[in-house]
Amino acid sequence: MLRSVLSACLVAQLFAAPSFAADINVGILLSATGPAAAIGNAERNGTAFGPAEIAGKKVNYLFLDEASDATAAVSALRKLHEESKIDLLIGPTTTPGSFAVIEPAVEYETPMITLAPVNALVAPIDARRRWVFKTTTNDDHEATPL
């Protein structure tokens, strides 16, 4: 599922990127350390299944640890944007980190695929949230059976 979502988003990004761009840079912010490290490291293992090439363009996966910390997530996103001009962001692992990086993602006009389950990250769709997508089920779908 993650692979198909990732592939679809990368293909969509190709149409938005200049045709002269040699590579596609995917920034990945995950919790390799901190309280959410068990989840973040499992998520990082999943990134190994991403495509190496799309439409003849090499895909570079650039990983940074956001340490389960919202402030660190924002700093890491800014670093990825400034140093690598990322075309797409995957992460952060946690809900606070995901909320924190929305503003910089909007500022950079970088699509973001969050791994956090909170509906408020993507709904209602507005000028900010149009840049945010998520792979998890909605939190109300998970809570209803309980």
C-alpha atoms as a PDB file:
ATOM      1  CA  MET A   1       0.000   0.000   0.000  1.00  0.00           C
ATOM      2  CA  LEU A   2       2.735   2.471   0.994  1.00  0.00           C
ATOM      3  CA  ARG A   3       4.634   1.630  -2.184  1.00  0.00           C
ATOM      4  CA  SER A   4       1.640   2.345  -4.422  1.00  0.00           C
ATOM      5  CA  VAL A   5       0.849   5.610  -2.597  1.00  0.00           C
ATOM      6  CA  LEU A   6       4.494   6.658  -2.791  1.00  0.00           C
ATOM      7  CA  SER A   7       4.693   5.813  -6.494  1.00  0.00           C
ATOM      8  CA  ALA A   8       1.485   7.709  -7.275  1.00  0.00           C
ATOM      9  CA  CYS A   9       2.666  10.799  -5.407  1.00  0.00           C
ATOM     10  CA  LEU A  10       6.069  10.725  -7.056  1.00  0.00           C
ATOM     11  CA  VAL A  11       4.541  10.423 -10.520  1.00  0.00           C
ATOM     12  CA  ALA A  12       2.211  13.334  -9.739  1.00  0.00           C
ATOM     13  CA  GLN A  13       5.184  15.375  -8.574  1.00  0.00           C
ATOM     14  CA  LEU A  14       6.956  14.732 -11.866  1.00  0.00           C
ATOM     15  CA  PHE A  15       4.329  16.736 -13.696  1.00  0.00           C
ATOM     16  CA  ALA A  16       4.870  19.670 -11.334  1.00  0.00           C
ATOM     17  CA  ALA A  17       8.680  19.536 -11.480  1.00  0.00           C
ATOM     18  CA  PRO A  18      10.642  21.235 -14.238  1.00  0.00           C
ATOM     19  CA  SER A  19      11.450  18.841 -17.067  1.00  0.00           C
ATOM     20  CA  PHE A  20      15.159  19.619 -16.798  1.00  0.00           C
ATOM     21  CA  ALA A  21      15.397  18.292 -13.227  1.00  0.00           C
ATOM     22  CA  ALA A  22      17.755  15.326 -13.231  1.00  0.00           C
ATOM     23  CA  ASP A  23      16.658  13.635 -10.010  1.00  0.00           C
ATOM     24  CA  ILE A  24      13.652  13.469  -7.726  1.00  0.00           C
ATOM     25  CA  ASN A  25      14.582  14.205  -4.122  1.00  0.00           C
ATOM     26  CA  VAL A  26      12.343  12.682  -1.472  1.00  0.00           C
ATOM     27  CA  GLY A  27      12.888  13.953   2.062  1.00  0.00           C
ATOM     28  CA  ILE A  28      12.068  11.435   4.765  1.00  0.00           C
ATOM     29  CA  LEU A  29      11.619  12.635   8.360  1.00  0.00           C
ATOM     30  CA  LEU A  30      11.141   9.744  10.762  1.00  0.00           C
ATOM     31  CA  SER A  31      11.665   9.067  14.460  1.00  0.00           C
ATOM     32  CA  ALA A  32      14.848   6.993  14.525  1.00  0.00           C
ATOM     33  CA  THR A  33      15.327   8.087  18.131  1.00  0.00           C
ATOM     34  CA  GLY A  34      13.059   9.338  20.897  1.00  0.00           C
ATOM     35  CA  PRO A  35       9.792   7.915  22.242  1.00  0.00           C
ATOM     36  CA  ALA A  36       8.438   6.967  18.786  1.00  0.00           C
ATOM     37  CA  ALA A  37      11.638   5.266  17.584  1.00  0.00           C
ATOM     38  CA  ALA A  38      10.071   1.788  17.447  1.00  0.00           C
ATOM     39  CA  ILE A  39       7.475   3.093  14.983  1.00  0.00           C
ATOM     40  CA  GLY A  40       9.879   5.331  13.071  1.00  0.00           C
ATOM     41  CA  ASN A  41      12.439   2.595  12.519  1.00  0.00           C
ATOM     42  CA  ALA A  42       9.742   0.260  11.171  1.00  0.00           C
ATOM     43  CA  GLU A  43       8.603   3.057   8.840  1.00  0.00           C
ATOM     44  CA  ARG A  44      12.178   3.579   7.686  1.00  0.00           C
ATOM     45  CA  ASN A  45      12.430  -0.104   6.786  1.00  0.00           C
ATOM     46  CA  GLY A  46       9.425   0.406   4.512  1.00  0.00           C
ATOM     47  CA  THR A  47      11.199   3.100   2.525  1.00  0.00           C
ATOM     48  CA  ALA A  48      13.479   0.414   1.079  1.00  0.00           C
ATOM     49  CA  PHE A  49      10.583  -0.580  -1.185  1.00  0.00           C
ATOM     50  CA  GLY A  50      10.319   2.792  -2.909  1.00  0.00           C
ATOM     51  CA  PRO A  51      11.114   2.909  -6.631  1.00  0.00           C
ATOM     52  CA  ALA A  52      14.711   3.683  -7.616  1.00  0.00           C
ATOM     53  CA  GLU A  53      13.608   5.421 -10.799  1.00  0.00           C
ATOM     54  CA  ILE A  54      10.430   7.021 -12.134  1.00  0.00           C
ATOM     55  CA  ALA A  55       9.986   8.019 -15.773  1.00  0.00           C
ATOM     56  CA  GLY A  56      13.725   7.771 -16.301  1.00  0.00           C
ATOM     57  CA  LYS A  57      14.555  10.018 -13.356  1.00  0.00           C
ATOM     58  CA  LYS A  58      16.576   8.741 -10.417  1.00  0.00           C
ATOM     59  CA  VAL A  59      14.821   8.935  -7.038  1.00  0.00           C
ATOM     60  CA  ASN A  60      17.013  10.007  -4.108  1.00  0.00           C
ATOM     61  CA  TYR A  61      15.718   9.197  -0.622  1.00  0.00           C
ATOM     62  CA  LEU A  62      17.164  11.608   1.937  1.00  0.00           C
ATOM     63  CA  PHE A  63      16.577  10.499   5.522  1.00  0.00           C
ATOM     64  CA  LEU A  64      16.802  12.655   8.652  1.00  0.00           C
ATOM     65  CA  ASP A  65      15.900  11.716  12.220  1.00  0.00           C
ATOM     66  CA  GLU A  66      13.301  14.042  13.743  1.00  0.00           C
ATOM     67  CA  ALA A  67      13.862  12.422  17.162  1.00  0.00           C
ATOM     68  CA  SER A  68      10.116  12.313  17.957  1.00  0.00           C
ATOM     69  CA  ASP A  69      10.321  16.080  18.464  1.00  0.00           C
ATOM     70  CA  ALA A  70       8.271  18.733  16.649  1.00  0.00           C
ATOM     71  CA  THR A  71      11.002  21.386  16.796  1.00  0.00           C
ATOM     72  CA  ALA A  72      13.570  18.935  15.443  1.00  0.00           C
ATOM     73  CA  ALA A  73      11.137  17.995  12.657  1.00  0.00           C
ATOM     74  CA  VAL A  74      10.849  21.617  11.506  1.00  0.00           C
ATOM     75  CA  SER A  75      14.633  22.071  11.616  1.00  0.00           C
ATOM     76  CA  ALA A  76      15.145  18.852   9.658  1.00  0.00           C
ATOM     77  CA  LEU A  77      12.628  19.868   6.980  1.00  0.00           C
ATOM     78  CA  ARG A  78      14.286  23.259   6.589  1.00  0.00           C
ATOM     79  CA  LYS A  79      17.670  21.536   6.246  1.00  0.00           C
ATOM     80  CA  LEU A  80      16.321  19.121   3.612  1.00  0.00           C
ATOM     81  CA  HIS A  81      14.792  21.980   1.651  1.00  0.00           C
ATOM     82  CA  GLU A  82      17.828  24.252   1.821  1.00  0.00           C
ATOM     83  CA  GLU A  83      20.456  21.583   1.117  1.00  0.00           C
ATOM     84  CA  SER A  84      18.625  19.210  -1.229  1.00  0.00           C
ATOM     85  CA  LYS A  85      15.597  21.107  -2.596  1.00  0.00           C
ATOM     86  CA  ILE A  86      13.308  18.153  -1.888  1.00  0.00           C
ATOM     87  CA  ASP A  87      10.361  17.547  -4.193  1.00  0.00           C
ATOM     88  CA  LEU A  88       8.319  15.527  -1.700  1.00  0.00           C
ATOM     89  CA  LEU A  89       8.304  15.006   2.069  1.00  0.00           C
ATOM     90  CA  ILE A  90       7.414  11.720   3.755  1.00  0.00           C
ATOM     91  CA  GLY A  91       6.818  11.956   7.496  1.00  0.00           C
ATOM     92  CA  PRO A  92       7.117  12.867  10.268  1.00  0.00           C
ATOM     93  CA  THR A  93       6.250   9.830  12.348  1.00  0.00           C
ATOM     94  CA  THR A  94       4.336  11.638  15.084  1.00  0.00           C
ATOM     95  CA  THR A  95       1.248  13.833  15.089  1.00  0.00           C
ATOM     96  CA  PRO A  96       2.957  16.825  16.806  1.00  0.00           C
ATOM     97  CA  GLY A  97       5.814  16.676  14.313  1.00  0.00           C
ATOM     98  CA  SER A  98       3.394  16.461  11.408  1.00  0.00           C
ATOM     99  CA  PHE A  99       1.423  19.499  12.573  1.00  0.00           C
ATOM    100  CA  ALA A 100       4.674  21.422  13.070  1.00  0.00           C
ATOM    101  CA  VAL A 101       5.996  20.879   9.539  1.00  0.00           C
ATOM    102  CA  ILE A 102       2.799  21.867   7.722  1.00  0.00           C
ATOM    103  CA  GLU A 103       3.708  25.581   7.658  1.00  0.00           C
ATOM    104  CA  PRO A 104       7.216  25.087   6.232  1.00  0.00           C
ATOM    105  CA  ALA A 105       5.877  22.534   3.707  1.00  0.00           C
ATOM    106  CA  VAL A 106       3.291  25.098   2.558  1.00  0.00           C
ATOM    107  CA  GLU A 107       5.960  27.812   2.464  1.00  0.00           C
ATOM    108  CA  TYR A 108       8.157  25.606   0.239  1.00  0.00           C
ATOM    109  CA  GLU A 109       5.152  24.294  -1.748  1.00  0.00           C
ATOM    110  CA  THR A 110       6.332  20.769  -0.995  1.00  0.00           C
ATOM    111  CA  PRO A 111       3.748  17.972  -0.931  1.00  0.00           C
ATOM    112  CA  MET A 112       3.838  16.076   2.347  1.00  0.00           C
ATOM    113  CA  ILE A 113       2.764  12.501   3.064  1.00  0.00           C
ATOM    114  CA  THR A 114       2.358  12.286   6.823  1.00  0.00           C
ATOM    115  CA  LEU A 115       2.405   8.972   8.632  1.00  0.00           C
ATOM    116  CA  ALA A 116       0.338  10.268  11.559  1.00  0.00           C
ATOM    117  CA  PRO A 117      -3.331   9.188  11.833  1.00  0.00           C
ATOM    118  CA  VAL A 118      -5.075  12.398  12.921  1.00  0.00           C
ATOM    119  CA  ASN A 119      -7.887  13.617  10.632  1.00  0.00           C
ATOM    120  CA  ALA A 120      -7.157  17.279  11.402  1.00  0.00           C
ATOM    121  CA  LEU A 121      -3.906  17.023   9.439  1.00  0.00           C
ATOM    122  CA  VAL A 122      -5.817  16.659   6.170  1.00  0.00           C
ATOM    123  CA  ALA A 123      -9.374  17.859   6.825  1.00  0.00           C
ATOM    124  CA  PRO A 124     -11.016  20.117   6.091  1.00  0.00           C
ATOM    125  CA  ILE A 125      -9.077  20.741   2.915  1.00  0.00           C
ATOM    126  CA  ASP A 126      -7.954  24.356   2.738  1.00  0.00           C
ATOM    127  CA  ALA A 127      -5.022  26.335   1.336  1.00  0.00           C
ATOM    128  CA  ARG A 128      -2.649  24.806   3.905  1.00  0.00           C
ATOM    129  CA  ARG A 129      -3.914  21.248   3.957  1.00  0.00           C
ATOM    130  CA  ARG A 130      -3.958  20.882   0.182  1.00  0.00           C
ATOM    131  CA  TRP A 131      -0.244  20.075   0.512  1.00  0.00           C
ATOM    132  CA  VAL A 132      -0.801  17.323   3.112  1.00  0.00           C
ATOM    133  CA  PHE A 133      -1.710  13.691   2.465  1.00  0.00           C
ATOM    134  CA  LYS A 134      -1.709  10.715   4.818  1.00  0.00           C
ATOM    135  CA  THR A 135      -1.379   6.957   4.499  1.00  0.00           C
ATOM    136  CA  THR A 136      -3.082   5.861   7.698  1.00  0.00           C
ATOM    137  CA  THR A 137      -6.747   5.287   8.445  1.00  0.00           C
ATOM    138  CA  ASN A 138      -8.692   8.108  10.036  1.00  0.00           C
ATOM    139  CA  ASP A 139      -8.512   8.202  13.813  1.00  0.00           C
ATOM    140  CA  ASP A 140     -12.307   8.130  14.102  1.00  0.00           C
ATOM    141  CA  HIS A 141     -12.388   4.913  12.036  1.00  0.00           C
ATOM    142  CA  GLU A 142     -10.022   3.279  14.499  1.00  0.00           C
ATOM    143  CA  ALA A 143     -11.841   4.587  17.583  1.00  0.00           C
ATOM    144  CA  THR A 144     -15.404   3.683  16.560  1.00  0.00           C
ATOM    145  CA  PRO A 145     -15.079  -0.094  17.155  1.00  0.00           C
ATOM    146  CA  LEU A 146     -13.609   0.538  20.600  1.00  0.00           C
END
